Amino acid sequence: MPTPTAYTARPRVTYALLLGSVLGAGLLWRSGWLPLSPFWFKYGGDSLWALAVFLGFGTIWRMASTTRVACLALAFSFAVEFSQLCHAPWLEAIRGNMLGRLVLGSTFNAPDLLAYVAGIGAAMAGEFMWRRK
């Protein structure tokens, strides 16, 4: 049985499939087709975005600890949110198309940071439970 500091590689195909599923769920979430309250529409989508970042980083850094992947995902998510305070022309040009806006957002909103923590926390909990089995 592996010790808590010994990690097996994350299954890349599984994580890629999970990532695709979360991205699909996020697009559906924000499509307006689901009867969600404004709170869940906004912050649930942000949590799914952060969960996708965790899964993406977990796919890339397969041997990294869950905590390390979570810290990287949180740092990236926070950096993207704080980058919304910067309105350089080149950055606004990226945000001017749908993909750029989905990845980088457009307007800084401090409560989004809590949604990112919730999404990455859920990802950590799921991975800890999966690794225990």
N, C-alpha and C. Protein backbone atom coordinates (compact mmCIF):
# COMPACT_ATOMS: atom_id res chain seq x y z
N MET A 1 0.85 -1.18 0.00
CA MET A 1 0.00 0.00 0.00
C MET A 1 0.89 1.24 0.00
N PRO A 2 0.62 2.20 -0.91
CA PRO A 2 1.47 3.39 -0.97
C PRO A 2 1.33 4.26 0.26
N THR A 3 2.42 4.90 0.62
CA THR A 3 2.39 5.84 1.73
C THR A 3 1.73 7.13 1.25
N PRO A 4 1.33 8.00 2.17
CA PRO A 4 0.67 9.24 1.75
C PRO A 4 1.52 10.11 0.84
N THR A 5 2.86 9.98 0.90
CA THR A 5 3.70 10.81 0.05
C THR A 5 4.05 10.12 -1.26
N ALA A 6 3.71 8.84 -1.42
CA ALA A 6 3.98 8.14 -2.67
C ALA A 6 2.76 8.24 -3.56
N TYR A 7 2.96 8.73 -4.76
CA TYR A 7 1.85 8.94 -5.68
C TYR A 7 2.03 8.09 -6.91
N THR A 8 0.96 7.54 -7.36
CA THR A 8 0.96 6.85 -8.65
C THR A 8 0.54 7.88 -9.69
N ALA A 9 0.92 7.63 -10.90
CA ALA A 9 0.58 8.56 -11.98
C ALA A 9 -0.93 8.60 -12.18
N ARG A 10 -1.43 9.79 -12.40
CA ARG A 10 -2.84 9.93 -12.73
C ARG A 10 -3.06 9.35 -14.12
N PRO A 11 -4.15 8.65 -14.33
CA PRO A 11 -4.42 8.10 -15.66
C PRO A 11 -4.78 9.24 -16.63
N ARG A 12 -3.90 9.51 -17.57
CA ARG A 12 -4.04 10.66 -18.46
C ARG A 12 -5.35 10.62 -19.25
N VAL A 13 -5.71 9.46 -19.78
CA VAL A 13 -6.94 9.37 -20.58
C VAL A 13 -8.16 9.64 -19.70
N THR A 14 -8.18 9.09 -18.50
CA THR A 14 -9.30 9.32 -17.59
C THR A 14 -9.43 10.80 -17.27
N TYR A 15 -8.31 11.44 -16.96
CA TYR A 15 -8.36 12.86 -16.61
C TYR A 15 -8.75 13.71 -17.82
N ALA A 16 -8.29 13.33 -19.00
CA ALA A 16 -8.68 14.06 -20.20
C ALA A 16 -10.18 13.92 -20.46
N LEU A 17 -10.72 12.72 -20.24
CA LEU A 17 -12.16 12.51 -20.40
C LEU A 17 -12.96 13.30 -19.35
N LEU A 18 -12.47 13.29 -18.13
CA LEU A 18 -13.12 14.09 -17.08
C LEU A 18 -13.08 15.56 -17.43
N LEU A 19 -11.94 16.02 -17.92
CA LEU A 19 -11.80 17.42 -18.31
C LEU A 19 -12.80 17.77 -19.40
N GLY A 20 -12.90 16.92 -20.41
CA GLY A 20 -13.87 17.17 -21.47
C GLY A 20 -15.30 17.21 -20.95
N SER A 21 -15.60 16.32 -20.01
CA SER A 21 -16.94 16.29 -19.41
C SER A 21 -17.22 17.56 -18.63
N VAL A 22 -16.24 18.02 -17.86
CA VAL A 22 -16.43 19.25 -17.07
C VAL A 22 -16.56 20.46 -18.00
N LEU A 23 -15.77 20.50 -19.07
CA LEU A 23 -15.90 21.61 -20.01
C LEU A 23 -17.29 21.60 -20.65
N GLY A 24 -17.77 20.43 -21.03
CA GLY A 24 -19.12 20.33 -21.58
C GLY A 24 -20.17 20.76 -20.58
N ALA A 25 -20.02 20.32 -19.33
CA ALA A 25 -20.95 20.72 -18.27
C ALA A 25 -20.92 22.22 -18.05
N GLY A 26 -19.71 22.79 -18.10
CA GLY A 26 -19.59 24.24 -17.91
C GLY A 26 -20.26 25.03 -19.02
N LEU A 27 -20.09 24.57 -20.25
CA LEU A 27 -20.74 25.24 -21.37
C LEU A 27 -22.26 25.12 -21.27
N LEU A 28 -22.74 23.94 -20.90
CA LEU A 28 -24.18 23.75 -20.69
C LEU A 28 -24.66 24.64 -19.56
N TRP A 29 -23.88 24.69 -18.48
CA TRP A 29 -24.23 25.48 -17.29
C TRP A 29 -24.45 26.94 -17.67
N ARG A 30 -23.55 27.48 -18.49
CA ARG A 30 -23.62 28.89 -18.87
C ARG A 30 -24.47 29.16 -20.11
N SER A 31 -25.05 28.11 -20.69
CA SER A 31 -25.81 28.28 -21.93
C SER A 31 -27.15 28.99 -21.72
N GLY A 32 -27.66 28.93 -20.49
CA GLY A 32 -28.99 29.48 -20.24
C GLY A 32 -30.09 28.44 -20.42
N TRP A 33 -29.73 27.24 -20.82
CA TRP A 33 -30.72 26.18 -21.01
C TRP A 33 -31.16 25.53 -19.71
N LEU A 34 -30.37 25.69 -18.66
CA LEU A 34 -30.72 25.11 -17.37
C LEU A 34 -31.42 26.16 -16.51
N PRO A 35 -32.44 25.76 -15.78
CA PRO A 35 -33.16 26.73 -14.93
C PRO A 35 -32.41 26.98 -13.62
N LEU A 36 -31.35 27.76 -13.69
CA LEU A 36 -30.51 28.04 -12.52
C LEU A 36 -30.78 29.44 -12.00
N SER A 37 -30.67 29.59 -10.69
CA SER A 37 -30.76 30.93 -10.12
C SER A 37 -29.53 31.72 -10.56
N PRO A 38 -29.59 33.04 -10.52
CA PRO A 38 -28.42 33.83 -10.92
C PRO A 38 -27.16 33.47 -10.11
N PHE A 39 -27.34 33.16 -8.82
CA PHE A 39 -26.19 32.79 -7.98
C PHE A 39 -25.52 31.52 -8.52
N TRP A 40 -26.32 30.46 -8.75
CA TRP A 40 -25.75 29.20 -9.23
C TRP A 40 -25.22 29.33 -10.64
N PHE A 41 -25.89 30.12 -11.47
CA PHE A 41 -25.43 30.35 -12.84
C PHE A 41 -24.02 30.93 -12.82
N LYS A 42 -23.82 31.96 -12.01
CA LYS A 42 -22.53 32.66 -11.96
C LYS A 42 -21.46 31.85 -11.25
N TYR A 43 -21.71 31.50 -10.01
CA TYR A 43 -20.64 30.90 -9.20
C TYR A 43 -20.46 29.41 -9.44
N GLY A 44 -21.51 28.72 -9.85
CA GLY A 44 -21.36 27.32 -10.23
C GLY A 44 -20.49 27.19 -11.48
N GLY A 45 -20.69 28.08 -12.43
CA GLY A 45 -19.86 28.09 -13.63
C GLY A 45 -18.40 28.37 -13.30
N ASP A 46 -18.16 29.30 -12.39
CA ASP A 46 -16.79 29.61 -11.97
C ASP A 46 -16.15 28.41 -11.26
N SER A 47 -16.93 27.71 -10.46
CA SER A 47 -16.41 26.52 -9.77
C SER A 47 -16.06 25.43 -10.78
N LEU A 48 -16.90 25.24 -11.79
CA LEU A 48 -16.61 24.26 -12.83
C LEU A 48 -15.35 24.66 -13.61
N TRP A 49 -15.17 25.94 -13.86
CA TRP A 49 -13.98 26.42 -14.56
C TRP A 49 -12.73 26.06 -13.77
N ALA A 50 -12.76 26.31 -12.45
CA ALA A 50 -11.61 25.99 -11.61
C ALA A 50 -11.38 24.48 -11.53
N LEU A 51 -12.45 23.71 -11.49
CA LEU A 51 -12.34 22.25 -11.51
C LEU A 51 -11.66 21.80 -12.81
N ALA A 52 -12.01 22.42 -13.92
CA ALA A 52 -11.38 22.10 -15.21
C ALA A 52 -9.89 22.44 -15.19
N VAL A 53 -9.54 23.55 -14.55
CA VAL A 53 -8.12 23.90 -14.44
C VAL A 53 -7.38 22.83 -13.64
N PHE A 54 -7.96 22.39 -12.54
CA PHE A 54 -7.35 21.32 -11.73
C PHE A 54 -7.15 20.06 -12.58
N LEU A 55 -8.17 19.65 -13.30
CA LEU A 55 -8.07 18.44 -14.12
C LEU A 55 -7.03 18.60 -15.23
N GLY A 56 -6.97 19.78 -15.82
CA GLY A 56 -5.97 20.04 -16.85
C GLY A 56 -4.56 19.95 -16.30
N PHE A 57 -4.33 20.57 -15.14
CA PHE A 57 -3.01 20.49 -14.53
C PHE A 57 -2.70 19.07 -14.07
N GLY A 58 -3.71 18.36 -13.58
CA GLY A 58 -3.52 16.97 -13.18
C GLY A 58 -3.16 16.08 -14.36
N THR A 59 -3.68 16.41 -15.53
CA THR A 59 -3.36 15.68 -16.74
C THR A 59 -1.90 15.93 -17.15
N ILE A 60 -1.46 17.15 -16.98
CA ILE A 60 -0.08 17.50 -17.36
C ILE A 60 0.92 16.98 -16.34
N TRP A 61 0.69 17.25 -15.07
CA TRP A 61 1.62 16.84 -14.01
C TRP A 61 1.05 15.62 -13.31
N ARG A 62 1.20 14.49 -13.96
CA ARG A 62 0.58 13.24 -13.52
C ARG A 62 1.13 12.72 -12.21
N MET A 63 2.38 13.00 -11.88
CA MET A 63 3.00 12.46 -10.67
C MET A 63 2.96 13.45 -9.50
N ALA A 64 2.50 14.66 -9.73
CA ALA A 64 2.46 15.66 -8.66
C ALA A 64 1.41 15.29 -7.63
N SER A 65 1.65 15.71 -6.40
CA SER A 65 0.68 15.44 -5.34
C SER A 65 -0.61 16.21 -5.60
N THR A 66 -1.67 15.75 -5.01
CA THR A 66 -2.96 16.42 -5.13
C THR A 66 -2.87 17.85 -4.63
N THR A 67 -2.18 18.02 -3.52
CA THR A 67 -2.03 19.37 -2.95
C THR A 67 -1.25 20.28 -3.88
N ARG A 68 -0.21 19.75 -4.50
CA ARG A 68 0.58 20.57 -5.43
C ARG A 68 -0.26 20.97 -6.65
N VAL A 69 -0.99 20.03 -7.20
CA VAL A 69 -1.84 20.34 -8.36
C VAL A 69 -2.89 21.38 -7.95
N ALA A 70 -3.46 21.22 -6.76
CA ALA A 70 -4.47 22.17 -6.29
C ALA A 70 -3.86 23.57 -6.12
N CYS A 71 -2.67 23.64 -5.56
CA CYS A 71 -2.02 24.95 -5.39
C CYS A 71 -1.72 25.60 -6.73
N LEU A 72 -1.24 24.80 -7.69
CA LEU A 72 -0.99 25.35 -9.04
C LEU A 72 -2.29 25.83 -9.68
N ALA A 73 -3.33 25.04 -9.57
CA ALA A 73 -4.62 25.42 -10.15
C ALA A 73 -5.18 26.67 -9.49
N LEU A 74 -5.04 26.75 -8.17
CA LEU A 74 -5.53 27.93 -7.46
C LEU A 74 -4.73 29.17 -7.84
N ALA A 75 -3.40 29.03 -7.93
CA ALA A 75 -2.57 30.17 -8.32
C ALA A 75 -2.93 30.64 -9.74
N PHE A 76 -3.12 29.70 -10.65
CA PHE A 76 -3.50 30.04 -12.02
C PHE A 76 -4.86 30.74 -12.04
N SER A 77 -5.83 30.17 -11.32
CA SER A 77 -7.17 30.74 -11.30
C SER A 77 -7.17 32.15 -10.72
N PHE A 78 -6.43 32.34 -9.63
CA PHE A 78 -6.34 33.68 -9.04
C PHE A 78 -5.64 34.64 -9.99
N ALA A 79 -4.58 34.18 -10.66
CA ALA A 79 -3.86 35.04 -11.60
C ALA A 79 -4.77 35.48 -12.74
N VAL A 80 -5.57 34.56 -13.25
CA VAL A 80 -6.50 34.91 -14.32
C VAL A 80 -7.52 35.94 -13.81
N GLU A 81 -8.03 35.72 -12.61
CA GLU A 81 -9.02 36.67 -12.07
C GLU A 81 -8.40 38.05 -11.88
N PHE A 82 -7.21 38.11 -11.30
CA PHE A 82 -6.57 39.41 -11.09
C PHE A 82 -6.12 40.05 -12.40
N SER A 83 -5.88 39.24 -13.43
CA SER A 83 -5.52 39.81 -14.74
C SER A 83 -6.68 40.61 -15.32
N GLN A 84 -7.88 40.37 -14.82
CA GLN A 84 -9.05 41.10 -15.30
C GLN A 84 -9.02 42.57 -14.86
N LEU A 85 -8.12 42.89 -13.96
CA LEU A 85 -7.93 44.29 -13.57
C LEU A 85 -7.06 45.03 -14.58
N CYS A 86 -6.37 44.27 -15.43
CA CYS A 86 -5.49 44.83 -16.46
C CYS A 86 -6.25 44.90 -17.78
N HIS A 87 -6.20 46.04 -18.41
CA HIS A 87 -6.94 46.23 -19.65
C HIS A 87 -6.02 46.65 -20.80
N ALA A 88 -4.88 45.97 -20.88
CA ALA A 88 -3.96 46.23 -21.99
C ALA A 88 -4.66 45.88 -23.30
N PRO A 89 -4.36 46.63 -24.35
CA PRO A 89 -5.03 46.38 -25.64
C PRO A 89 -4.89 44.94 -26.14
N TRP A 90 -3.72 44.35 -25.99
CA TRP A 90 -3.52 42.98 -26.47
C TRP A 90 -4.35 41.99 -25.66
N LEU A 91 -4.50 42.26 -24.35
CA LEU A 91 -5.30 41.38 -23.51
C LEU A 91 -6.79 41.55 -23.83
N GLU A 92 -7.20 42.76 -24.07
CA GLU A 92 -8.60 43.01 -24.46
C GLU A 92 -8.91 42.38 -25.82
N ALA A 93 -7.92 42.34 -26.69
CA ALA A 93 -8.12 41.69 -28.00
C ALA A 93 -8.37 40.19 -27.82
N ILE A 94 -7.65 39.56 -26.90
CA ILE A 94 -7.87 38.14 -26.63
C ILE A 94 -9.25 37.93 -26.03
N ARG A 95 -9.61 38.80 -25.09
CA ARG A 95 -10.93 38.69 -24.46
C ARG A 95 -12.07 39.04 -25.41
N GLY A 96 -11.73 39.62 -26.55
CA GLY A 96 -12.75 40.04 -27.52
C GLY A 96 -13.41 38.90 -28.25
N ASN A 97 -12.84 37.70 -28.19
CA ASN A 97 -13.52 36.57 -28.82
C ASN A 97 -14.02 35.62 -27.74
N MET A 98 -14.93 34.73 -28.12
CA MET A 98 -15.61 33.88 -27.14
C MET A 98 -14.64 33.00 -26.36
N LEU A 99 -13.71 32.35 -27.04
CA LEU A 99 -12.77 31.46 -26.35
C LEU A 99 -11.91 32.24 -25.35
N GLY A 100 -11.42 33.40 -25.77
CA GLY A 100 -10.63 34.23 -24.87
C GLY A 100 -11.41 34.68 -23.65
N ARG A 101 -12.67 35.02 -23.86
CA ARG A 101 -13.52 35.44 -22.74
C ARG A 101 -13.82 34.27 -21.80
N LEU A 102 -14.02 33.06 -22.37
CA LEU A 102 -14.28 31.88 -21.54
C LEU A 102 -13.06 31.54 -20.68
N VAL A 103 -11.87 31.68 -21.25
CA VAL A 103 -10.65 31.32 -20.52
C VAL A 103 -10.23 32.43 -19.57
N LEU A 104 -10.24 33.67 -20.05
CA LEU A 104 -9.69 34.79 -19.26
C LEU A 104 -10.72 35.62 -18.53
N GLY A 105 -12.00 35.43 -18.83
CA GLY A 105 -13.02 36.27 -18.19
C GLY A 105 -12.92 37.68 -18.69
N SER A 106 -13.70 38.57 -18.09
CA SER A 106 -13.70 39.95 -18.56
C SER A 106 -13.70 40.97 -17.44
N THR A 107 -14.35 40.68 -16.32
CA THR A 107 -14.50 41.66 -15.25
C THR A 107 -14.10 41.05 -13.91
N PHE A 108 -13.23 41.72 -13.18
CA PHE A 108 -12.82 41.24 -11.87
C PHE A 108 -14.01 41.22 -10.92
N ASN A 109 -14.14 40.12 -10.18
CA ASN A 109 -15.20 39.97 -9.20
C ASN A 109 -14.62 39.16 -8.04
N ALA A 110 -14.37 39.80 -6.91
CA ALA A 110 -13.71 39.14 -5.79
C ALA A 110 -14.40 37.85 -5.33
N PRO A 111 -15.74 37.76 -5.30
CA PRO A 111 -16.37 36.50 -4.89
C PRO A 111 -16.04 35.31 -5.81
N ASP A 112 -15.61 35.60 -7.05
CA ASP A 112 -15.19 34.51 -7.94
C ASP A 112 -14.06 33.71 -7.31
N LEU A 113 -13.21 34.37 -6.53
CA LEU A 113 -12.09 33.68 -5.89
C LEU A 113 -12.59 32.57 -4.97
N LEU A 114 -13.69 32.83 -4.27
CA LEU A 114 -14.27 31.79 -3.40
C LEU A 114 -14.85 30.64 -4.22
N ALA A 115 -15.43 30.96 -5.37
CA ALA A 115 -15.94 29.91 -6.24
C ALA A 115 -14.80 29.04 -6.75
N TYR A 116 -13.66 29.63 -7.04
CA TYR A 116 -12.49 28.85 -7.48
C TYR A 116 -12.02 27.93 -6.36
N VAL A 117 -11.99 28.45 -5.15
CA VAL A 117 -11.61 27.62 -4.00
C VAL A 117 -12.58 26.44 -3.86
N ALA A 118 -13.86 26.70 -4.04
CA ALA A 118 -14.86 25.63 -3.92
C ALA A 118 -14.66 24.57 -5.01
N GLY A 119 -14.44 24.99 -6.24
CA GLY A 119 -14.25 24.05 -7.34
C GLY A 119 -13.00 23.21 -7.17
N ILE A 120 -11.92 23.85 -6.78
CA ILE A 120 -10.67 23.12 -6.58
C ILE A 120 -10.74 22.27 -5.33
N GLY A 121 -11.45 22.74 -4.31
CA GLY A 121 -11.66 21.92 -3.11
C GLY A 121 -12.44 20.66 -3.43
N ALA A 122 -13.46 20.78 -4.27
CA ALA A 122 -14.22 19.60 -4.69
C ALA A 122 -13.34 18.64 -5.48
N ALA A 123 -12.49 19.19 -6.33
CA ALA A 123 -11.57 18.35 -7.10
C ALA A 123 -10.60 17.61 -6.18
N MET A 124 -10.08 18.32 -5.20
CA MET A 124 -9.17 17.69 -4.23
C MET A 124 -9.88 16.57 -3.48
N ALA A 125 -11.08 16.84 -3.00
CA ALA A 125 -11.83 15.83 -2.25
C ALA A 125 -12.08 14.60 -3.12
N GLY A 126 -12.47 14.83 -4.37
CA GLY A 126 -12.70 13.71 -5.27
C GLY A 126 -11.44 12.90 -5.53
N GLU A 127 -10.33 13.60 -5.72
CA GLU A 127 -9.09 12.87 -5.97
C GLU A 127 -8.61 12.14 -4.73
N PHE A 128 -8.74 12.75 -3.57
CA PHE A 128 -8.34 12.05 -2.33
C PHE A 128 -9.18 10.79 -2.14
N MET A 129 -10.48 10.88 -2.42
CA MET A 129 -11.34 9.69 -2.27
C MET A 129 -10.96 8.63 -3.30
N TRP A 130 -10.69 9.03 -4.54
CA TRP A 130 -10.31 8.09 -5.58
C TRP A 130 -8.97 7.41 -5.24
N ARG A 131 -8.03 8.16 -4.72
CA ARG A 131 -6.71 7.60 -4.40
C ARG A 131 -6.77 6.67 -3.19
N ARG A 132 -7.73 6.83 -2.33
CA ARG A 132 -7.86 5.94 -1.16
C ARG A 132 -8.28 4.54 -1.56
N LYS A 133 -8.98 4.43 -2.68
CA LYS A 133 -9.48 3.12 -3.11
C LYS A 133 -8.36 2.27 -3.65
